[in-house]
Amino acid sequence: MEFLVATGIGWVTACAIYLMLRGRSFPVVLGLTLLGYAVNVFIFAMGRLWSAAAPILVSDAPVADPLPQALVLTAIVIGFATTGFVIELALRSRHDNRTDHVDGTTWHAERDEQREGRA
């Protein structure tokens, strides 16, 4: 079970890094979101993967650690807010620069303007 979770976290992290290295803003936002999901699953897995464990100490039975669960829940809420903010920044950057390239190059927009001027 641990190998499957670790492999899944690795694949999601690899996909996130690939998307973050793209030149457009939307894949970068998706990559950041995927990386946040991978970190959340990693933190959740660090609290051990218990099945049928009580969340509250009742007897000598094994209990699930509630701290990673609380951290992941907080990280999910913060991740939604951050994703919304980054999407707004990307939309504003596209509006101001007439391009959605992350590195700020506007040669595509200038080329398109030249084509429209000739037509």
PDB file of N, CA and C in Angstrom:
ATOM      1  N   MET A   1       0.820  -1.191   0.000  1.00  0.00           N
ATOM      2  CA  MET A   1       0.000   0.000   0.000  1.00  0.00           C
ATOM      3  C   MET A   1       0.869   1.262   0.000  1.00  0.00           C
ATOM      4  N   GLU A   2       1.927   1.247   0.806  1.00  0.00           N
ATOM      5  CA  GLU A   2       2.798   2.423   0.881  1.00  0.00           C
ATOM      6  C   GLU A   2       3.514   2.661  -0.444  1.00  0.00           C
ATOM      7  N   PHE A   3       3.915   1.576  -1.108  1.00  0.00           N
ATOM      8  CA  PHE A   3       4.583   1.722  -2.399  1.00  0.00           C
ATOM      9  C   PHE A   3       3.652   2.333  -3.432  1.00  0.00           C
ATOM     10  N   LEU A   4       2.392   1.928  -3.424  1.00  0.00           N
ATOM     11  CA  LEU A   4       1.411   2.467  -4.354  1.00  0.00           C
ATOM     12  C   LEU A   4       1.183   3.955  -4.111  1.00  0.00           C
ATOM     13  N   VAL A   5       1.065   4.357  -2.848  1.00  0.00           N
ATOM     14  CA  VAL A   5       0.865   5.771  -2.524  1.00  0.00           C
ATOM     15  C   VAL A   5       2.107   6.579  -2.895  1.00  0.00           C
ATOM     16  N   ALA A   6       3.292   6.051  -2.595  1.00  0.00           N
ATOM     17  CA  ALA A   6       4.532   6.767  -2.931  1.00  0.00           C
ATOM     18  C   ALA A   6       4.693   6.907  -4.443  1.00  0.00           C
ATOM     19  N   THR A   7       4.354   5.867  -5.187  1.00  0.00           N
ATOM     20  CA  THR A   7       4.429   5.935  -6.639  1.00  0.00           C
ATOM     21  C   THR A   7       3.432   6.948  -7.191  1.00  0.00           C
ATOM     22  N   GLY A   8       2.238   6.953  -6.654  1.00  0.00           N
ATOM     23  CA  GLY A   8       1.231   7.924  -7.083  1.00  0.00           C
ATOM     24  C   GLY A   8       1.661   9.355  -6.800  1.00  0.00           C
ATOM     25  N   ILE A   9       2.234   9.586  -5.617  1.00  0.00           N
ATOM     26  CA  ILE A   9       2.728  10.923  -5.282  1.00  0.00           C
ATOM     27  C   ILE A   9       3.850  11.314  -6.231  1.00  0.00           C
ATOM     28  N   GLY A  10       4.718  10.377  -6.553  1.00  0.00           N
ATOM     29  CA  GLY A  10       5.814  10.658  -7.479  1.00  0.00           C
ATOM     30  C   GLY A  10       5.322  11.026  -8.869  1.00  0.00           C
ATOM     31  N   TRP A  11       4.327  10.296  -9.380  1.00  0.00           N
ATOM     32  CA  TRP A  11       3.789  10.591 -10.708  1.00  0.00           C
ATOM     33  C   TRP A  11       3.085  11.940 -10.735  1.00  0.00           C
ATOM     34  N   VAL A  12       2.313  12.226  -9.711  1.00  0.00           N
ATOM     35  CA  VAL A  12       1.618  13.515  -9.670  1.00  0.00           C
ATOM     36  C   VAL A  12       2.631  14.651  -9.570  1.00  0.00           C
ATOM     37  N   THR A  13       3.700  14.469  -8.795  1.00  0.00           N
ATOM     38  CA  THR A  13       4.746  15.487  -8.689  1.00  0.00           C
ATOM     39  C   THR A  13       5.460  15.668 -10.020  1.00  0.00           C
ATOM     40  N   ALA A  14       5.756  14.575 -10.710  1.00  0.00           N
ATOM     41  CA  ALA A  14       6.419  14.667 -12.012  1.00  0.00           C
ATOM     42  C   ALA A  14       5.536  15.388 -13.029  1.00  0.00           C
ATOM     43  N   CYS A  15       4.257  15.084 -13.048  1.00  0.00           N
ATOM     44  CA  CYS A  15       3.337  15.778 -13.952  1.00  0.00           C
ATOM     45  C   CYS A  15       3.242  17.262 -13.601  1.00  0.00           C
ATOM     46  N   ALA A  16       3.258  17.572 -12.297  1.00  0.00           N
ATOM     47  CA  ALA A  16       3.198  18.970 -11.865  1.00  0.00           C
ATOM     48  C   ALA A  16       4.438  19.734 -12.311  1.00  0.00           C
ATOM     49  N   ILE A  17       5.596  19.133 -12.171  1.00  0.00           N
ATOM     50  CA  ILE A  17       6.828  19.805 -12.591  1.00  0.00           C
ATOM     51  C   ILE A  17       6.838  20.003 -14.106  1.00  0.00           C
ATOM     52  N   TYR A  18       6.376  18.996 -14.850  1.00  0.00           N
ATOM     53  CA  TYR A  18       6.297  19.133 -16.302  1.00  0.00           C
ATOM     54  C   TYR A  18       5.382  20.299 -16.689  1.00  0.00           C
ATOM     55  N   LEU A  19       4.229  20.393 -16.042  1.00  0.00           N
ATOM     56  CA  LEU A  19       3.302  21.469 -16.368  1.00  0.00           C
ATOM     57  C   LEU A  19       3.839  22.832 -15.945  1.00  0.00           C
ATOM     58  N   MET A  20       4.561  22.889 -14.832  1.00  0.00           N
ATOM     59  CA  MET A  20       5.107  24.173 -14.388  1.00  0.00           C
ATOM     60  C   MET A  20       6.217  24.669 -15.306  1.00  0.00           C
ATOM     61  N   LEU A  21       6.842  23.795 -16.056  1.00  0.00           N
ATOM     62  CA  LEU A  21       7.902  24.197 -16.970  1.00  0.00           C
ATOM     63  C   LEU A  21       7.373  24.599 -18.351  1.00  0.00           C
ATOM     64  N   ARG A  22       6.077  24.574 -18.533  1.00  0.00           N
ATOM     65  CA  ARG A  22       5.490  24.990 -19.803  1.00  0.00           C
ATOM     66  C   ARG A  22       5.559  26.501 -19.937  1.00  0.00           C
ATOM     67  N   GLY A  23       5.362  27.012 -21.138  1.00  0.00           N
ATOM     68  CA  GLY A  23       5.517  28.432 -21.389  1.00  0.00           C
ATOM     69  C   GLY A  23       4.264  29.261 -21.213  1.00  0.00           C
ATOM     70  N   ARG A  24       3.131  28.622 -21.087  1.00  0.00           N
ATOM     71  CA  ARG A  24       1.867  29.351 -20.956  1.00  0.00           C
ATOM     72  C   ARG A  24       1.434  29.392 -19.502  1.00  0.00           C
ATOM     73  N   SER A  25       0.559  30.323 -19.173  1.00  0.00           N
ATOM     74  CA  SER A  25       0.205  30.517 -17.768  1.00  0.00           C
ATOM     75  C   SER A  25      -0.779  29.461 -17.254  1.00  0.00           C
ATOM     76  N   PHE A  26      -1.723  28.993 -18.088  1.00  0.00           N
ATOM     77  CA  PHE A  26      -2.698  28.025 -17.595  1.00  0.00           C
ATOM     78  C   PHE A  26      -2.063  26.689 -17.203  1.00  0.00           C
ATOM     79  N   PRO A  27      -1.147  26.113 -18.014  1.00  0.00           N
ATOM     80  CA  PRO A  27      -0.489  24.892 -17.546  1.00  0.00           C
ATOM     81  C   PRO A  27       0.342  25.110 -16.277  1.00  0.00           C
ATOM     82  N   VAL A  28       0.890  26.300 -16.111  1.00  0.00           N
ATOM     83  CA  VAL A  28       1.648  26.577 -14.879  1.00  0.00           C
ATOM     84  C   VAL A  28       0.711  26.560 -13.676  1.00  0.00           C
ATOM     85  N   VAL A  29      -0.475  27.143 -13.815  1.00  0.00           N
ATOM     86  CA  VAL A  29      -1.449  27.125 -12.723  1.00  0.00           C
ATOM     87  C   VAL A  29      -1.877  25.697 -12.420  1.00  0.00           C
ATOM     88  N   LEU A  30      -2.115  24.894 -13.457  1.00  0.00           N
ATOM     89  CA  LEU A  30      -2.468  23.490 -13.233  1.00  0.00           C
ATOM     90  C   LEU A  30      -1.332  22.737 -12.547  1.00  0.00           C
ATOM     91  N   GLY A  31      -0.091  23.026 -12.947  1.00  0.00           N
ATOM     92  CA  GLY A  31       1.056  22.383 -12.315  1.00  0.00           C
ATOM     93  C   GLY A  31       1.178  22.735 -10.847  1.00  0.00           C
ATOM     94  N   LEU A  32       0.956  24.003 -10.515  1.00  0.00           N
ATOM     95  CA  LEU A  32       0.998  24.403  -9.106  1.00  0.00           C
ATOM     96  C   LEU A  32      -0.109  23.728  -8.302  1.00  0.00           C
ATOM     97  N   THR A  33      -1.279  23.601  -8.910  1.00  0.00           N
ATOM     98  CA  THR A  33      -2.384  22.923  -8.228  1.00  0.00           C
ATOM     99  C   THR A  33      -2.077  21.444  -8.015  1.00  0.00           C
ATOM    100  N   LEU A  34      -1.535  20.791  -9.038  1.00  0.00           N
ATOM    101  CA  LEU A  34      -1.165  19.380  -8.883  1.00  0.00           C
ATOM    102  C   LEU A  34      -0.079  19.193  -7.833  1.00  0.00           C
ATOM    103  N   LEU A  35       0.881  20.109  -7.799  1.00  0.00           N
ATOM    104  CA  LEU A  35       1.922  20.018  -6.786  1.00  0.00           C
ATOM    105  C   LEU A  35       1.334  20.177  -5.384  1.00  0.00           C
ATOM    106  N   GLY A  36       0.361  21.052  -5.244  1.00  0.00           N
ATOM    107  CA  GLY A  36      -0.320  21.193  -3.958  1.00  0.00           C
ATOM    108  C   GLY A  36      -1.035  19.917  -3.557  1.00  0.00           C
ATOM    109  N   TYR A  37      -1.677  19.250  -4.526  1.00  0.00           N
ATOM    110  CA  TYR A  37      -2.336  17.976  -4.234  1.00  0.00           C
ATOM    111  C   TYR A  37      -1.323  16.911  -3.812  1.00  0.00           C
ATOM    112  N   ALA A  38      -0.184  16.875  -4.498  1.00  0.00           N
ATOM    113  CA  ALA A  38       0.841  15.887  -4.151  1.00  0.00           C
ATOM    114  C   ALA A  38       1.376  16.125  -2.745  1.00  0.00           C
ATOM    115  N   VAL A  39       1.594  17.374  -2.394  1.00  0.00           N
ATOM    116  CA  VAL A  39       2.079  17.683  -1.042  1.00  0.00           C
ATOM    117  C   VAL A  39       1.025  17.326  -0.005  1.00  0.00           C
ATOM    118  N   ASN A  40      -0.245  17.586  -0.304  1.00  0.00           N
ATOM    119  CA  ASN A  40      -1.308  17.229   0.638  1.00  0.00           C
ATOM    120  C   ASN A  40      -1.372  15.729   0.881  1.00  0.00           C
ATOM    121  N   VAL A  41      -1.279  14.946  -0.186  1.00  0.00           N
ATOM    122  CA  VAL A  41      -1.305  13.488  -0.023  1.00  0.00           C
ATOM    123  C   VAL A  41      -0.059  13.023   0.740  1.00  0.00           C
ATOM    124  N   PHE A  42       1.082  13.658   0.471  1.00  0.00           N
ATOM    125  CA  PHE A  42       2.311  13.310   1.183  1.00  0.00           C
ATOM    126  C   PHE A  42       2.164  13.584   2.679  1.00  0.00           C
ATOM    127  N   ILE A  43       1.649  14.745   3.036  1.00  0.00           N
ATOM    128  CA  ILE A  43       1.453  15.068   4.456  1.00  0.00           C
ATOM    129  C   ILE A  43       0.460  14.100   5.086  1.00  0.00           C
ATOM    130  N   PHE A  44      -0.604  13.791   4.361  1.00  0.00           N
ATOM    131  CA  PHE A  44      -1.596  12.857   4.884  1.00  0.00           C
ATOM    132  C   PHE A  44      -0.996  11.470   5.075  1.00  0.00           C
ATOM    133  N   ALA A  45      -0.143  11.048   4.160  1.00  0.00           N
ATOM    134  CA  ALA A  45       0.484   9.721   4.274  1.00  0.00           C
ATOM    135  C   ALA A  45       1.520   9.687   5.393  1.00  0.00           C
ATOM    136  N   MET A  46       2.101  10.827   5.737  1.00  0.00           N
ATOM    137  CA  MET A  46       3.071  10.860   6.831  1.00  0.00           C
ATOM    138  C   MET A  46       2.421  10.543   8.179  1.00  0.00           C
ATOM    139  N   GLY A  47       1.123  10.755   8.268  1.00  0.00           N
ATOM    140  CA  GLY A  47       0.396  10.402   9.487  1.00  0.00           C
ATOM    141  C   GLY A  47       0.044   8.936   9.544  1.00  0.00           C
ATOM    142  N   ARG A  48       0.610   8.147   8.701  1.00  0.00           N
ATOM    143  CA  ARG A  48       0.400   6.707   8.544  1.00  0.00           C
ATOM    144  C   ARG A  48      -0.973   6.416   7.982  1.00  0.00           C
ATOM    145  N   LEU A  49      -1.033   5.391   7.177  1.00  0.00           N
ATOM    146  CA  LEU A  49      -2.282   4.986   6.558  1.00  0.00           C
ATOM    147  C   LEU A  49      -2.946   3.918   7.423  1.00  0.00           C
ATOM    148  N   TRP A  50      -3.846   4.345   8.262  1.00  0.00           N
ATOM    149  CA  TRP A  50      -4.559   3.432   9.145  1.00  0.00           C
ATOM    150  C   TRP A  50      -5.904   3.080   8.531  1.00  0.00           C
ATOM    151  N   SER A  51      -6.288   1.834   8.677  1.00  0.00           N
ATOM    152  CA  SER A  51      -7.633   1.440   8.275  1.00  0.00           C
ATOM    153  C   SER A  51      -8.360   0.944   9.519  1.00  0.00           C
ATOM    154  N   ALA A  52      -9.553   1.436   9.707  1.00  0.00           N
ATOM    155  CA  ALA A  52     -10.415   1.081  10.842  1.00  0.00           C
ATOM    156  C   ALA A  52      -9.776   1.449  12.175  1.00  0.00           C
ATOM    157  N   ALA A  53      -9.066   2.580  12.234  1.00  0.00           N
ATOM    158  CA  ALA A  53      -8.494   3.056  13.490  1.00  0.00           C
ATOM    159  C   ALA A  53      -9.357   4.187  14.031  1.00  0.00           C
ATOM    160  N   ALA A  54      -9.514   4.194  15.324  1.00  0.00           N
ATOM    161  CA  ALA A  54     -10.338   5.223  15.953  1.00  0.00           C
ATOM    162  C   ALA A  54      -9.609   6.566  15.939  1.00  0.00           C
ATOM    163  N   PRO A  55     -10.316   7.666  15.658  1.00  0.00           N
ATOM    164  CA  PRO A  55      -9.656   8.964  15.669  1.00  0.00           C
ATOM    165  C   PRO A  55      -9.445   9.520  17.070  1.00  0.00           C
ATOM    166  N   ILE A  56     -10.107   8.936  18.060  1.00  0.00           N
ATOM    167  CA  ILE A  56     -10.002   9.412  19.436  1.00  0.00           C
ATOM    168  C   ILE A  56      -9.521   8.253  20.305  1.00  0.00           C
ATOM    169  N   LEU A  57      -8.643   8.544  21.257  1.00  0.00           N
ATOM    170  CA  LEU A  57      -8.090   7.529  22.148  1.00  0.00           C
ATOM    171  C   LEU A  57      -9.175   7.037  23.096  1.00  0.00           C
ATOM    172  N   VAL A  58      -9.546   5.776  22.919  1.00  0.00           N
ATOM    173  CA  VAL A  58     -10.577   5.175  23.760  1.00  0.00           C
ATOM    174  C   VAL A  58      -9.984   4.062  24.605  1.00  0.00           C
ATOM    175  N   SER A  59      -9.143   3.251  24.010  1.00  0.00           N
ATOM    176  CA  SER A  59      -8.532   2.140  24.726  1.00  0.00           C
ATOM    177  C   SER A  59      -7.090   2.016  24.239  1.00  0.00           C
ATOM    178  N   ASP A  60      -6.523   0.836  24.385  1.00  0.00           N
ATOM    179  CA  ASP A  60      -5.147   0.619  23.945  1.00  0.00           C
ATOM    180  C   ASP A  60      -5.058   0.320  22.447  1.00  0.00           C
ATOM    181  N   ALA A  61      -6.140   0.456  21.736  1.00  0.00           N
ATOM    182  CA  ALA A  61      -6.144   0.188  20.298  1.00  0.00           C
ATOM    183  C   ALA A  61      -5.379   1.301  19.573  1.00  0.00           C
ATOM    184  N   PRO A  62      -4.818   0.991  18.392  1.00  0.00           N
ATOM    185  CA  PRO A  62      -4.114   2.045  17.636  1.00  0.00           C
ATOM    186  C   PRO A  62      -5.083   3.144  17.195  1.00  0.00           C
ATOM    187  N   VAL A  63      -4.601   4.363  17.243  1.00  0.00           N
ATOM    188  CA  VAL A  63      -5.426   5.507  16.856  1.00  0.00           C
ATOM    189  C   VAL A  63      -4.763   6.247  15.702  1.00  0.00           C
ATOM    190  N   ALA A  64      -5.574   6.892  14.911  1.00  0.00           N
ATOM    191  CA  ALA A  64      -5.075   7.700  13.799  1.00  0.00           C
ATOM    192  C   ALA A  64      -4.647   9.067  14.329  1.00  0.00           C
ATOM    193  N   ASP A  65      -3.562   9.585  13.795  1.00  0.00           N
ATOM    194  CA  ASP A  65      -3.064  10.888  14.212  1.00  0.00           C
ATOM    195  C   ASP A  65      -3.904  11.976  13.540  1.00  0.00           C
ATOM    196  N   PRO A  66      -4.577  12.836  14.307  1.00  0.00           N
ATOM    197  CA  PRO A  66      -5.439  13.846  13.692  1.00  0.00           C
ATOM    198  C   PRO A  66      -4.680  15.073  13.170  1.00  0.00           C
ATOM    199  N   LEU A  67      -3.417  15.260  13.565  1.00  0.00           N
ATOM    200  CA  LEU A  67      -2.678  16.444  13.147  1.00  0.00           C
ATOM    201  C   LEU A  67      -2.456  16.513  11.629  1.00  0.00           C
ATOM    202  N   PRO A  68      -1.998  15.442  10.959  1.00  0.00           N
ATOM    203  CA  PRO A  68      -1.867  15.533   9.491  1.00  0.00           C
ATOM    204  C   PRO A  68      -3.197  15.795   8.793  1.00  0.00           C
ATOM    205  N   GLN A  69      -4.265  15.250   9.331  1.00  0.00           N
ATOM    206  CA  GLN A  69      -5.573  15.483   8.729  1.00  0.00           C
ATOM    207  C   GLN A  69      -5.964  16.946   8.848  1.00  0.00           C
ATOM    208  N   ALA A  70      -5.704  17.553   9.990  1.00  0.00           N
ATOM    209  CA  ALA A  70      -6.011  18.971  10.168  1.00  0.00           C
ATOM    210  C   ALA A  70      -5.120  19.839   9.285  1.00  0.00           C
ATOM    211  N   LEU A  71      -3.841  19.469   9.151  1.00  0.00           N
ATOM    212  CA  LEU A  71      -2.936  20.228   8.289  1.00  0.00           C
ATOM    213  C   LEU A  71      -3.364  20.158   6.825  1.00  0.00           C
ATOM    214  N   VAL A  72      -3.772  18.978   6.375  1.00  0.00           N
ATOM    215  CA  VAL A  72      -4.201  18.818   4.988  1.00  0.00           C
ATOM    216  C   VAL A  72      -5.489  19.591   4.738  1.00  0.00           C
ATOM    217  N   LEU A  73      -6.418  19.563   5.677  1.00  0.00           N
ATOM    218  CA  LEU A  73      -7.661  20.316   5.508  1.00  0.00           C
ATOM    219  C   LEU A  73      -7.380  21.810   5.409  1.00  0.00           C
ATOM    220  N   THR A  74      -6.479  22.316   6.229  1.00  0.00           N
ATOM    221  CA  THR A  74      -6.095  23.725   6.163  1.00  0.00           C
ATOM    222  C   THR A  74      -5.382  24.024   4.845  1.00  0.00           C
ATOM    223  N   ALA A  75      -4.517  23.126   4.401  1.00  0.00           N
ATOM    224  CA  ALA A  75      -3.790  23.332   3.150  1.00  0.00           C
ATOM    225  C   ALA A  75      -4.725  23.321   1.942  1.00  0.00           C
ATOM    226  N   ILE A  76      -5.779  22.532   1.988  1.00  0.00           N
ATOM    227  CA  ILE A  76      -6.743  22.515   0.892  1.00  0.00           C
ATOM    228  C   ILE A  76      -7.441  23.860   0.779  1.00  0.00           C
ATOM    229  N   VAL A  77      -7.860  24.416   1.904  1.00  0.00           N
ATOM    230  CA  VAL A  77      -8.536  25.718   1.886  1.00  0.00           C
ATOM    231  C   VAL A  77      -7.592  26.808   1.389  1.00  0.00           C
ATOM    232  N   ILE A  78      -6.362  26.808   1.879  1.00  0.00           N
ATOM    233  CA  ILE A  78      -5.383  27.800   1.441  1.00  0.00           C
ATOM    234  C   ILE A  78      -5.044  27.595  -0.037  1.00  0.00           C
ATOM    235  N   GLY A  79      -4.986  26.340  -0.486  1.00  0.00           N
ATOM    236  CA  GLY A  79      -4.704  26.048  -1.886  1.00  0.00           C
ATOM    237  C   GLY A  79      -5.787  26.569  -2.815  1.00  0.00           C
ATOM    238  N   PHE A  80      -7.058  26.450  -2.417  1.00  0.00           N
ATOM    239  CA  PHE A  80      -8.137  26.998  -3.238  1.00  0.00           C
ATOM    240  C   PHE A  80      -8.015  28.512  -3.365  1.00  0.00           C
ATOM    241  N   ALA A  81      -7.736  29.172  -2.257  1.00  0.00           N
ATOM    242  CA  ALA A  81      -7.608  30.634  -2.288  1.00  0.00           C
ATOM    243  C   ALA A  81      -6.414  31.058  -3.135  1.00  0.00           C
ATOM    244  N   THR A  82      -5.302  30.369  -2.984  1.00  0.00           N
ATOM    245  CA  THR A  82      -4.111  30.707  -3.750  1.00  0.00           C
ATOM    246  C   THR A  82      -4.324  30.444  -5.241  1.00  0.00           C
ATOM    247  N   THR A  83      -4.981  29.353  -5.583  1.00  0.00           N
ATOM    248  CA  THR A  83      -5.253  29.049  -6.986  1.00  0.00           C
ATOM    249  C   THR A  83      -6.142  30.118  -7.610  1.00  0.00           C
ATOM    250  N   GLY A  84      -7.155  30.540  -6.893  1.00  0.00           N
ATOM    251  CA  GLY A  84      -8.008  31.615  -7.400  1.00  0.00           C
ATOM    252  C   GLY A  84      -7.232  32.902  -7.620  1.00  0.00           C
ATOM    253  N   PHE A  85      -6.345  33.222  -6.693  1.00  0.00           N
ATOM    254  CA  PHE A  85      -5.534  34.430  -6.817  1.00  0.00           C
ATOM    255  C   PHE A  85      -4.578  34.335  -8.004  1.00  0.00           C
ATOM    256  N   VAL A  86      -3.934  33.183  -8.188  1.00  0.00           N
ATOM    257  CA  VAL A  86      -2.997  33.016  -9.295  1.00  0.00           C
ATOM    258  C   VAL A  86      -3.730  33.039 -10.639  1.00  0.00           C
ATOM    259  N   ILE A  87      -4.928  32.479 -10.698  1.00  0.00           N
ATOM    260  CA  ILE A  87      -5.707  32.543 -11.928  1.00  0.00           C
ATOM    261  C   ILE A  87      -6.066  33.987 -12.255  1.00  0.00           C
ATOM    262  N   GLU A  88      -6.431  34.752 -11.244  1.00  0.00           N
ATOM    263  CA  GLU A  88      -6.729  36.170 -11.468  1.00  0.00           C
ATOM    264  C   GLU A  88      -5.493  36.921 -11.952  1.00  0.00           C
ATOM    265  N   LEU A  89      -4.330  36.634 -11.377  1.00  0.00           N
ATOM    266  CA  LEU A  89      -3.094  37.257 -11.842  1.00  0.00           C
ATOM    267  C   LEU A  89      -2.788  36.883 -13.289  1.00  0.00           C
ATOM    268  N   ALA A  90      -3.010  35.625 -13.643  1.00  0.00           N
ATOM    269  CA  ALA A  90      -2.750  35.186 -15.022  1.00  0.00           C
ATOM    270  C   ALA A  90      -3.701  35.868 -15.998  1.00  0.00           C
ATOM    271  N   LEU A  91      -4.964  36.004 -15.619  1.00  0.00           N
ATOM    272  CA  LEU A  91      -5.917  36.687 -16.495  1.00  0.00           C
ATOM    273  C   LEU A  91      -5.557  38.160 -16.655  1.00  0.00           C
ATOM    274  N   ARG A  92      -5.140  38.787 -15.567  1.00  0.00           N
ATOM    275  CA  ARG A  92      -4.754  40.197 -15.650  1.00  0.00           C
ATOM    276  C   ARG A  92      -3.492  40.371 -16.496  1.00  0.00           C
ATOM    277  N   SER A  93      -2.549  39.460 -16.350  1.00  0.00           N
ATOM    278  CA  SER A  93      -1.331  39.523 -17.149  1.00  0.00           C
ATOM    279  C   SER A  93      -1.648  39.329 -18.633  1.00  0.00           C
ATOM    280  N   ARG A  94      -2.560  38.430 -18.924  1.00  0.00           N
ATOM    281  CA  ARG A  94      -2.954  38.222 -20.332  1.00  0.00           C
ATOM    282  C   ARG A  94      -3.629  39.461 -20.883  1.00  0.00           C
ATOM    283  N   HIS A  95      -4.442  40.118 -20.069  1.00  0.00           N
ATOM    284  CA  HIS A  95      -5.129  41.325 -20.522  1.00  0.00           C
ATOM    285  C   HIS A  95      -4.138  42.467 -20.760  1.00  0.00           C
ATOM    286  N   ASP A  96      -3.185  42.632 -19.858  1.00  0.00           N
ATOM    287  CA  ASP A  96      -2.229  43.729 -19.979  1.00  0.00           C
ATOM    288  C   ASP A  96      -1.206  43.498 -21.082  1.00  0.00           C
ATOM    289  N   ASN A  97      -0.705  42.281 -21.208  1.00  0.00           N
ATOM    290  CA  ASN A  97       0.386  41.997 -22.150  1.00  0.00           C
ATOM    291  C   ASN A  97      -0.082  41.433 -23.487  1.00  0.00           C
ATOM    292  N   ARG A  98      -1.362  41.125 -23.602  1.00  0.00           N
ATOM    293  CA  ARG A  98      -1.936  40.504 -24.804  1.00  0.00           C
ATOM    294  C   ARG A  98      -1.283  39.166 -25.132  1.00  0.00           C
ATOM    295  N   THR A  99      -0.726  38.513 -24.153  1.00  0.00           N
ATOM    296  CA  THR A  99      -0.157  37.176 -24.325  1.00  0.00           C
ATOM    297  C   THR A  99      -0.205  36.477 -22.970  1.00  0.00           C
ATOM    298  N   ASP A 100      -0.185  35.158 -23.001  1.00  0.00           N
ATOM    299  CA  ASP A 100      -0.201  34.424 -21.739  1.00  0.00           C
ATOM    300  C   ASP A 100       1.106  33.671 -21.505  1.00  0.00           C
ATOM    301  N   HIS A 101       2.180  34.137 -22.104  1.00  0.00           N
ATOM    302  CA  HIS A 101       3.476  33.522 -21.869  1.00  0.00           C
ATOM    303  C   HIS A 101       3.980  33.911 -20.491  1.00  0.00           C
ATOM    304  N   VAL A 102       4.559  32.963 -19.800  1.00  0.00           N
ATOM    305  CA  VAL A 102       5.010  33.183 -18.433  1.00  0.00           C
ATOM    306  C   VAL A 102       6.260  34.051 -18.401  1.00  0.00           C
ATOM    307  N   ASP A 103       7.130  33.908 -19.394  1.00  0.00           N
ATOM    308  CA  ASP A 103       8.391  34.637 -19.365  1.00  0.00           C
ATOM    309  C   ASP A 103       8.255  36.093 -19.783  1.00  0.00           C
ATOM    310  N   GLY A 104       7.075  36.519 -20.185  1.00  0.00           N
ATOM    311  CA  GLY A 104       6.844  37.911 -20.505  1.00  0.00           C
ATOM    312  C   GLY A 104       7.157  38.306 -21.928  1.00  0.00           C
ATOM    313  N   THR A 105       7.533  37.354 -22.775  1.00  0.00           N
ATOM    314  CA  THR A 105       7.825  37.705 -24.160  1.00  0.00           C
ATOM    315  C   THR A 105       6.532  38.062 -24.874  1.00  0.00           C
ATOM    316  N   THR A 106       6.613  39.094 -25.677  1.00  0.00           N
ATOM    317  CA  THR A 106       5.426  39.545 -26.407  1.00  0.00           C
ATOM    318  C   THR A 106       5.623  39.451 -27.907  1.00  0.00           C
ATOM    319  N   TRP A 107       6.613  38.683 -28.344  1.00  0.00           N
ATOM    320  CA  TRP A 107       6.867  38.620 -29.776  1.00  0.00           C
ATOM    321  C   TRP A 107       5.717  37.970 -30.519  1.00  0.00           C
ATOM    322  N   HIS A 108       4.969  37.094 -29.854  1.00  0.00           N
ATOM    323  CA  HIS A 108       3.804  36.497 -30.505  1.00  0.00           C
ATOM    324  C   HIS A 108       2.738  37.558 -30.756  1.00  0.00           C
ATOM    325  N   ALA A 109       2.518  38.419 -29.758  1.00  0.00           N
ATOM    326  CA  ALA A 109       1.521  39.476 -29.923  1.00  0.00           C
ATOM    327  C   ALA A 109       1.966  40.475 -30.984  1.00  0.00           C
ATOM    328  N   GLU A 110       3.263  40.812 -31.008  1.00  0.00           N
ATOM    329  CA  GLU A 110       3.757  41.740 -32.017  1.00  0.00           C
ATOM    330  C   GLU A 110       3.651  41.131 -33.418  1.00  0.00           C
ATOM    331  N   ARG A 111       3.933  39.841 -33.531  1.00  0.00           N
ATOM    332  CA  ARG A 111       3.821  39.162 -34.822  1.00  0.00           C
ATOM    333  C   ARG A 111       2.372  39.154 -35.296  1.00  0.00           C
ATOM    334  N   ASP A 112       1.447  38.906 -34.364  1.00  0.00           N
ATOM    335  CA  ASP A 112       0.036  38.902 -34.732  1.00  0.00           C
ATOM    336  C   ASP A 112      -0.426  40.290 -35.161  1.00  0.00           C
ATOM    337  N   GLU A 113       0.072  41.337 -34.482  1.00  0.00           N
ATOM    338  CA  GLU A 113      -0.290  42.691 -34.874  1.00  0.00           C
ATOM    339  C   GLU A 113       0.246  43.023 -36.262  1.00  0.00           C
ATOM    340  N   GLN A 114       1.468  42.566 -36.564  1.00  0.00           N
ATOM    341  CA  GLN A 114       2.036  42.809 -37.884  1.00  0.00           C
ATOM    342  C   GLN A 114       1.239  42.104 -38.966  1.00  0.00           C
ATOM    343  N   ARG A 115       0.778  40.906 -38.676  1.00  0.00           N
ATOM    344  CA  ARG A 115      -0.019  40.170 -39.663  1.00  0.00           C
ATOM    345  C   ARG A 115      -1.356  40.866 -39.896  1.00  0.00           C
ATOM    346  N   GLU A 116      -1.955  41.362 -38.809  1.00  0.00           N
ATOM    347  CA  GLU A 116      -3.241  42.045 -38.955  1.00  0.00           C
ATOM    348  C   GLU A 116      -3.061  43.368 -39.706  1.00  0.00           C
ATOM    349  N   GLY A 117      -1.931  44.036 -39.516  1.00  0.00           N
ATOM    350  CA  GLY A 117      -1.682  45.312 -40.191  1.00  0.00           C
ATOM    351  C   GLY A 117      -1.485  45.126 -41.688  1.00  0.00           C
ATOM    352  N   ARG A 118      -0.899  44.000 -42.086  1.00  0.00           N
ATOM    353  CA  ARG A 118      -0.659  43.736 -43.494  1.00  0.00           C
ATOM    354  C   ARG A 118      -1.924  43.293 -44.209  1.00  0.00           C
ATOM    355  N   ALA A 119      -2.812  42.636 -43.477  1.00  0.00           N
ATOM    356  CA  ALA A 119      -4.002  42.070 -44.112  1.00  0.00           C
ATOM    357  C   ALA A 119      -5.023  43.114 -44.480  1.00  0.00           C
TER     358      ALA A 119
END
